[in-house]
Amino acid sequence: MKQICFLLMTIASCLCFVFSFTHQASAQGKVNLDGGPLKEADFFVKPPGTVDEDHSGYNTWISKWYGPDGNYTNTGGPGNVIRRDLIDEGTDGKLTQVTLSTLAGLQKTKNMDEIDWGDVNGGPRKWTVFELDTNSDNNMNRNGPVDNIDIYGILVIDAPKAMTSVMSPAHDNNAQIWINGEKWYYHPDWTGGAKKVDYNVEIKLQKGANVLLYRVSEGGGGAYMNLHFDDETHDTVEIYPDAATNKVEFFKEIDGVLPVEPIGKLTTIWADIKRD
């Protein structure tokens, strides 16, 4: 009898281990892109080996973003703009895509009224918090043109420790993601649906505030930008914007997570940002 009980306990333990492992894998998705950030030679190279996963069962898709309150329009298609820095163009060199994905660059938008892309390309856009319907295949449109548009969205991720995370982007179509001044993701194609994923990307988060900048360049048809992280990341970090609905509220939210830098270090950081 004791041997039978021991055997049953062993089988039960093995089943629990398998279930736990399977649950962990499904909760994260199959990691198929790692080794980042991208090297410059790979900035516009599609990674191999898509997974084509349906993540519609996740409830962690992020709907709130900080950024321009409207899109860059009349691009003529992604091929005309993906290698252009529209942040640099719209701020007369005060910011770039890279610097906007840093704390120093993000904070510069606090006192910047707008980004101006000119009347042909959408005109002046205010910096604000906006919300996207994560279930919609057209959430990028934002009451504007539906084709040949570009969108930028920013998140601040407050991590209690340095950690490895997995991000799962969905987009239609061309997408680029920078984190803390480095490019981590490029994919020129659509992922097949608002909650369908081609790559689960392993990334590194530093302790404290991390800035993520997400850009999607759309040609025609569907137009969506979505993102979520693995379950452990969502259980561990705080992601902003949270309750904020505008720029003032957003900066009040992140004020407590922004580091208080020594004067010397601030000088060094700001020296890397283009000045007025």
Protein backbone atom coordinates (compact mmCIF):
# COMPACT_ATOMS: atom_id res chain seq x y z
CA MET A 1 0.00 0.00 0.00
CA LYS A 2 2.82 2.40 0.91
CA GLN A 3 4.48 1.70 -2.44
CA ILE A 4 1.25 2.41 -4.30
CA CYS A 5 0.75 5.69 -2.40
CA PHE A 6 4.31 6.70 -3.12
CA LEU A 7 3.83 5.90 -6.82
CA LEU A 8 0.62 7.92 -6.97
CA MET A 9 2.29 10.88 -5.25
CA THR A 10 5.19 10.71 -7.71
CA ILE A 11 2.83 10.69 -10.69
CA ALA A 12 0.84 13.59 -9.23
CA SER A 13 4.03 15.61 -8.69
CA CYS A 14 5.13 15.00 -12.27
CA LEU A 15 1.73 16.06 -13.60
CA CYS A 16 1.84 19.23 -11.51
CA PHE A 17 5.31 20.02 -12.85
CA VAL A 18 4.19 19.49 -16.45
CA PHE A 19 1.06 21.60 -15.93
CA SER A 20 3.06 24.35 -14.27
CA PHE A 21 5.64 24.37 -17.06
CA THR A 22 2.93 24.38 -19.75
CA HIS A 23 1.05 27.18 -18.02
CA GLN A 24 4.20 29.25 -17.72
CA ALA A 25 5.03 28.73 -21.39
CA SER A 26 1.51 29.60 -22.54
CA ALA A 27 1.40 32.61 -20.25
CA GLN A 28 4.51 33.98 -21.89
CA GLY A 29 4.32 32.73 -25.45
CA LYS A 30 7.22 31.11 -27.23
CA VAL A 31 10.24 33.41 -27.07
CA ASN A 32 11.54 33.55 -30.63
CA LEU A 33 13.50 36.81 -30.65
CA ASP A 34 16.30 37.47 -28.19
CA GLY A 35 19.87 38.76 -28.07
CA GLY A 36 18.82 42.41 -28.33
CA PRO A 37 19.06 45.30 -28.57
CA LEU A 38 19.37 45.32 -32.34
CA LYS A 39 22.68 46.03 -33.97
CA GLU A 40 22.62 48.92 -36.44
CA ALA A 41 22.97 46.54 -39.38
CA ASP A 42 19.67 44.90 -38.32
CA PHE A 43 17.67 48.09 -37.73
CA PHE A 44 15.54 47.41 -40.82
CA VAL A 45 15.91 43.65 -41.24
CA LYS A 46 12.93 41.37 -40.60
CA PRO A 47 13.85 38.71 -38.01
CA PRO A 48 13.46 35.05 -39.03
CA GLY A 49 11.05 32.53 -37.57
CA THR A 50 7.61 34.00 -36.82
CA VAL A 51 5.42 32.08 -34.35
CA ASP A 52 1.99 33.23 -35.58
CA GLU A 53 0.33 33.03 -32.13
CA ASP A 54 -3.20 34.11 -31.21
CA HIS A 55 -3.02 36.09 -27.94
CA SER A 56 -6.69 37.08 -27.82
CA GLY A 57 -7.03 35.20 -24.52
CA TYR A 58 -4.72 37.60 -22.70
CA ASN A 59 -6.25 40.39 -20.61
CA THR A 60 -2.99 42.34 -20.30
CA TRP A 61 -3.05 44.19 -23.64
CA ILE A 62 -2.12 47.84 -23.01
CA SER A 63 -4.68 50.44 -24.09
CA LYS A 64 -3.28 53.72 -22.73
CA TRP A 65 -0.35 55.55 -24.30
CA TYR A 66 1.37 58.94 -24.11
CA GLY A 67 2.33 60.76 -27.29
CA PRO A 68 1.08 63.07 -30.06
CA ASP A 69 -2.72 63.41 -30.04
CA GLY A 70 -2.95 62.62 -33.75
CA ASN A 71 -1.11 60.77 -36.48
CA TYR A 72 1.40 61.78 -39.10
CA THR A 73 -0.67 61.61 -42.29
CA ASN A 74 -0.23 61.36 -46.06
CA THR A 75 2.94 59.30 -45.86
CA GLY A 76 2.51 57.75 -49.28
CA GLY A 77 3.06 54.37 -47.62
CA PRO A 78 5.47 52.98 -45.01
CA GLY A 79 8.28 52.63 -47.52
CA ASN A 80 8.47 56.41 -47.80
CA VAL A 81 8.87 57.12 -44.09
CA ILE A 82 10.15 54.16 -42.06
CA ARG A 83 13.76 55.32 -42.34
CA ARG A 84 12.84 58.92 -41.59
CA ASP A 85 12.78 60.22 -38.03
CA LEU A 86 9.40 61.96 -37.82
CA ILE A 87 10.03 63.05 -34.22
CA ASP A 88 13.17 64.89 -35.33
CA GLU A 89 11.27 66.47 -38.24
CA GLY A 90 8.32 67.55 -36.11
CA THR A 91 10.40 69.12 -33.32
CA ASP A 92 13.02 70.85 -35.51
CA GLY A 93 15.71 68.61 -34.05
CA LYS A 94 14.86 69.21 -30.39
CA LEU A 95 14.06 65.49 -30.05
CA THR A 96 14.67 62.32 -32.03
CA GLN A 97 13.09 58.88 -31.86
CA VAL A 98 16.08 57.66 -29.88
CA THR A 99 16.14 60.51 -27.36
CA LEU A 100 12.36 60.38 -26.92
CA SER A 101 12.80 56.80 -25.70
CA THR A 102 14.93 58.06 -22.78
CA LEU A 103 13.89 59.68 -19.51
CA ALA A 104 15.64 62.93 -20.38
CA GLY A 105 13.99 63.14 -23.78
CA LEU A 106 10.56 62.20 -22.47
CA GLN A 107 10.76 64.88 -19.79
CA LYS A 108 11.51 67.45 -22.47
CA THR A 109 7.95 67.05 -23.79
CA LYS A 110 6.63 68.30 -20.45
CA ASN A 111 7.34 71.88 -21.48
CA MET A 112 6.89 71.34 -25.23
CA ASP A 113 3.42 72.43 -26.34
CA GLU A 114 3.27 70.44 -29.55
CA ILE A 115 4.99 68.57 -32.33
CA ASP A 116 4.29 70.14 -35.74
CA TRP A 117 4.29 67.99 -38.87
CA GLY A 118 2.91 70.70 -41.15
CA ASP A 119 -0.58 70.98 -42.64
CA VAL A 120 0.02 68.35 -45.32
CA ASN A 121 1.04 65.73 -42.75
CA GLY A 122 -1.44 66.33 -39.96
CA GLY A 123 -0.43 69.74 -38.63
CA PRO A 124 0.49 70.49 -35.01
CA ARG A 125 -0.18 67.71 -32.50
CA LYS A 126 -0.41 68.18 -28.74
CA TRP A 127 1.38 65.82 -26.33
CA THR A 128 -1.26 63.93 -24.39
CA VAL A 129 -2.56 60.58 -23.14
CA PHE A 130 -4.68 58.63 -25.60
CA GLU A 131 -6.46 55.28 -25.48
CA LEU A 132 -6.65 52.59 -28.16
CA ASP A 133 -9.30 49.89 -28.43
CA THR A 134 -7.16 46.75 -28.19
CA ASN A 135 -9.91 44.67 -29.84
CA SER A 136 -10.09 46.82 -32.98
CA ASP A 137 -8.19 46.11 -36.19
CA ASN A 138 -8.36 49.87 -36.87
CA ASN A 139 -7.43 51.40 -33.50
CA MET A 140 -4.67 53.57 -35.05
CA ASN A 141 -7.05 55.74 -37.07
CA ARG A 142 -8.11 58.05 -34.20
CA ASN A 143 -10.84 59.81 -36.24
CA GLY A 144 -8.39 60.70 -39.00
CA PRO A 145 -7.32 59.24 -42.35
CA VAL A 146 -7.31 55.45 -42.36
CA ASP A 147 -4.46 54.88 -44.82
CA ASN A 148 -0.83 56.05 -45.07
CA ILE A 149 -0.48 57.07 -41.43
CA ASP A 150 2.13 56.87 -38.67
CA ILE A 151 1.53 56.64 -34.92
CA TYR A 152 3.87 57.00 -31.93
CA GLY A 153 3.06 55.75 -28.41
CA ILE A 154 5.13 55.95 -25.21
CA LEU A 155 5.04 53.90 -22.01
CA VAL A 156 6.95 54.29 -18.76
CA ILE A 157 7.61 50.93 -17.11
CA ASP A 158 8.62 51.11 -13.46
CA ALA A 159 10.52 47.93 -12.53
CA PRO A 160 11.40 47.16 -8.88
CA LYS A 161 14.63 45.48 -10.04
CA ALA A 162 16.66 44.83 -13.15
CA MET A 163 14.81 42.05 -14.94
CA THR A 164 14.33 40.13 -18.15
CA SER A 165 10.91 40.57 -19.71
CA VAL A 166 9.09 39.34 -22.80
CA MET A 167 7.08 41.75 -24.93
CA SER A 168 4.54 40.65 -27.55
CA PRO A 169 3.69 43.30 -30.18
CA ALA A 170 0.79 43.17 -32.64
CA HIS A 171 0.67 45.70 -35.47
CA ASP A 172 -0.45 46.56 -38.99
CA ASN A 173 1.87 47.00 -40.48
CA ASN A 174 5.50 48.24 -40.16
CA ALA A 175 6.60 48.46 -36.49
CA GLN A 176 9.63 49.73 -34.57
CA ILE A 177 10.22 49.75 -30.79
CA TRP A 178 12.92 51.54 -28.78
CA ILE A 179 13.57 51.10 -25.05
CA ASN A 180 15.86 53.37 -23.05
CA GLY A 181 17.54 54.77 -26.15
CA GLU A 182 18.12 51.43 -27.92
CA LYS A 183 16.18 49.76 -30.72
CA TRP A 184 14.79 46.36 -29.75
CA TYR A 185 12.30 45.53 -32.50
CA TYR A 186 11.64 45.93 -36.21
CA HIS A 187 9.04 44.06 -38.24
CA PRO A 188 7.91 45.31 -41.67
CA ASP A 189 4.70 43.28 -41.96
CA TRP A 190 1.31 43.00 -40.32
CA THR A 191 0.86 40.31 -37.67
CA GLY A 192 -2.49 39.03 -38.94
CA GLY A 193 -4.86 40.52 -36.38
CA ALA A 194 -5.13 43.01 -33.52
CA LYS A 195 -4.16 40.35 -30.98
CA LYS A 196 -2.01 38.08 -33.12
CA VAL A 197 1.72 37.96 -32.51
CA ASP A 198 4.65 37.04 -34.75
CA TYR A 199 7.44 37.59 -32.21
CA ASN A 200 7.73 37.27 -28.43
CA VAL A 201 10.73 39.48 -27.79
CA GLU A 202 13.05 39.05 -24.83
CA ILE A 203 14.07 42.47 -23.48
CA LYS A 204 16.02 43.83 -20.52
CA LEU A 205 14.49 46.31 -18.09
CA GLN A 206 16.61 48.37 -15.73
CA LYS A 207 15.64 48.98 -12.11
CA GLY A 208 13.35 51.99 -11.92
CA ALA A 209 11.81 53.85 -14.84
CA ASN A 210 12.13 52.50 -18.38
CA VAL A 211 10.85 54.40 -21.43
CA LEU A 212 9.38 52.45 -24.36
CA LEU A 213 8.60 54.15 -27.69
CA TYR A 214 6.42 52.25 -30.16
CA ARG A 215 5.97 53.38 -33.77
CA VAL A 216 3.71 51.83 -36.41
CA SER A 217 3.66 52.91 -40.06
CA GLU A 218 0.48 51.90 -41.89
CA GLY A 219 -0.21 51.71 -45.63
CA GLY A 220 -3.75 50.54 -46.39
CA GLY A 221 -6.44 48.32 -44.91
CA GLY A 222 -6.32 47.51 -41.19
CA ALA A 223 -4.35 49.79 -38.87
CA TYR A 224 -3.59 48.68 -35.32
CA MET A 225 -0.91 49.00 -32.63
CA ASN A 226 -1.04 46.71 -29.60
CA LEU A 227 1.38 45.38 -27.00
CA HIS A 228 1.47 43.22 -23.90
CA PHE A 229 4.19 41.62 -21.75
CA ASP A 230 4.53 38.22 -20.11
CA ASP A 231 2.38 37.63 -17.04
CA GLU A 232 5.26 37.89 -14.57
CA THR A 233 6.17 41.33 -15.89
CA HIS A 234 2.59 42.57 -15.58
CA ASP A 235 2.48 41.20 -12.02
CA THR A 236 5.79 42.86 -11.10
CA VAL A 237 6.03 46.29 -12.76
CA GLU A 238 3.89 49.41 -12.88
CA ILE A 239 3.05 50.74 -16.35
CA TYR A 240 2.15 54.37 -17.09
CA PRO A 241 -0.03 56.07 -18.21
CA ASP A 242 -2.42 54.47 -15.75
CA ALA A 243 -5.26 56.68 -14.52
CA ALA A 244 -3.92 59.77 -16.34
CA THR A 245 -5.97 61.22 -19.20
CA ASN A 246 -3.73 64.14 -20.23
CA LYS A 247 -0.12 65.33 -20.17
CA VAL A 248 -0.30 67.08 -16.80
CA GLU A 249 -1.78 64.02 -15.11
CA PHE A 250 0.72 61.72 -16.84
CA PHE A 251 3.72 63.62 -15.49
CA LYS A 252 2.17 63.69 -12.02
CA GLU A 253 1.86 59.90 -12.24
CA ILE A 254 5.48 59.30 -13.22
CA ASP A 255 6.96 62.01 -10.99
CA GLY A 256 7.40 59.49 -8.19
CA VAL A 257 9.30 57.00 -10.35
CA LEU A 258 11.64 59.41 -12.14
CA PRO A 259 15.13 59.36 -10.62
CA VAL A 260 16.56 62.37 -8.85
CA GLU A 261 19.88 62.62 -10.67
CA PRO A 262 23.02 64.32 -9.34
CA ILE A 263 23.64 67.66 -11.07
CA GLY A 264 26.77 66.36 -12.81
CA LYS A 265 24.97 63.37 -14.24
CA LEU A 266 22.04 65.48 -15.39
CA THR A 267 24.44 67.74 -17.23
CA THR A 268 25.91 64.75 -19.04
CA ILE A 269 22.47 63.39 -19.95
CA TRP A 270 21.16 66.68 -21.24
CA ALA A 271 24.33 67.22 -23.27
CA ASP A 272 23.23 64.23 -25.35
CA ILE A 273 19.83 65.77 -26.09
CA LYS A 274 19.57 68.41 -28.81
CA ARG A 275 18.79 71.79 -27.28
CA ASP A 276 16.53 74.56 -28.44
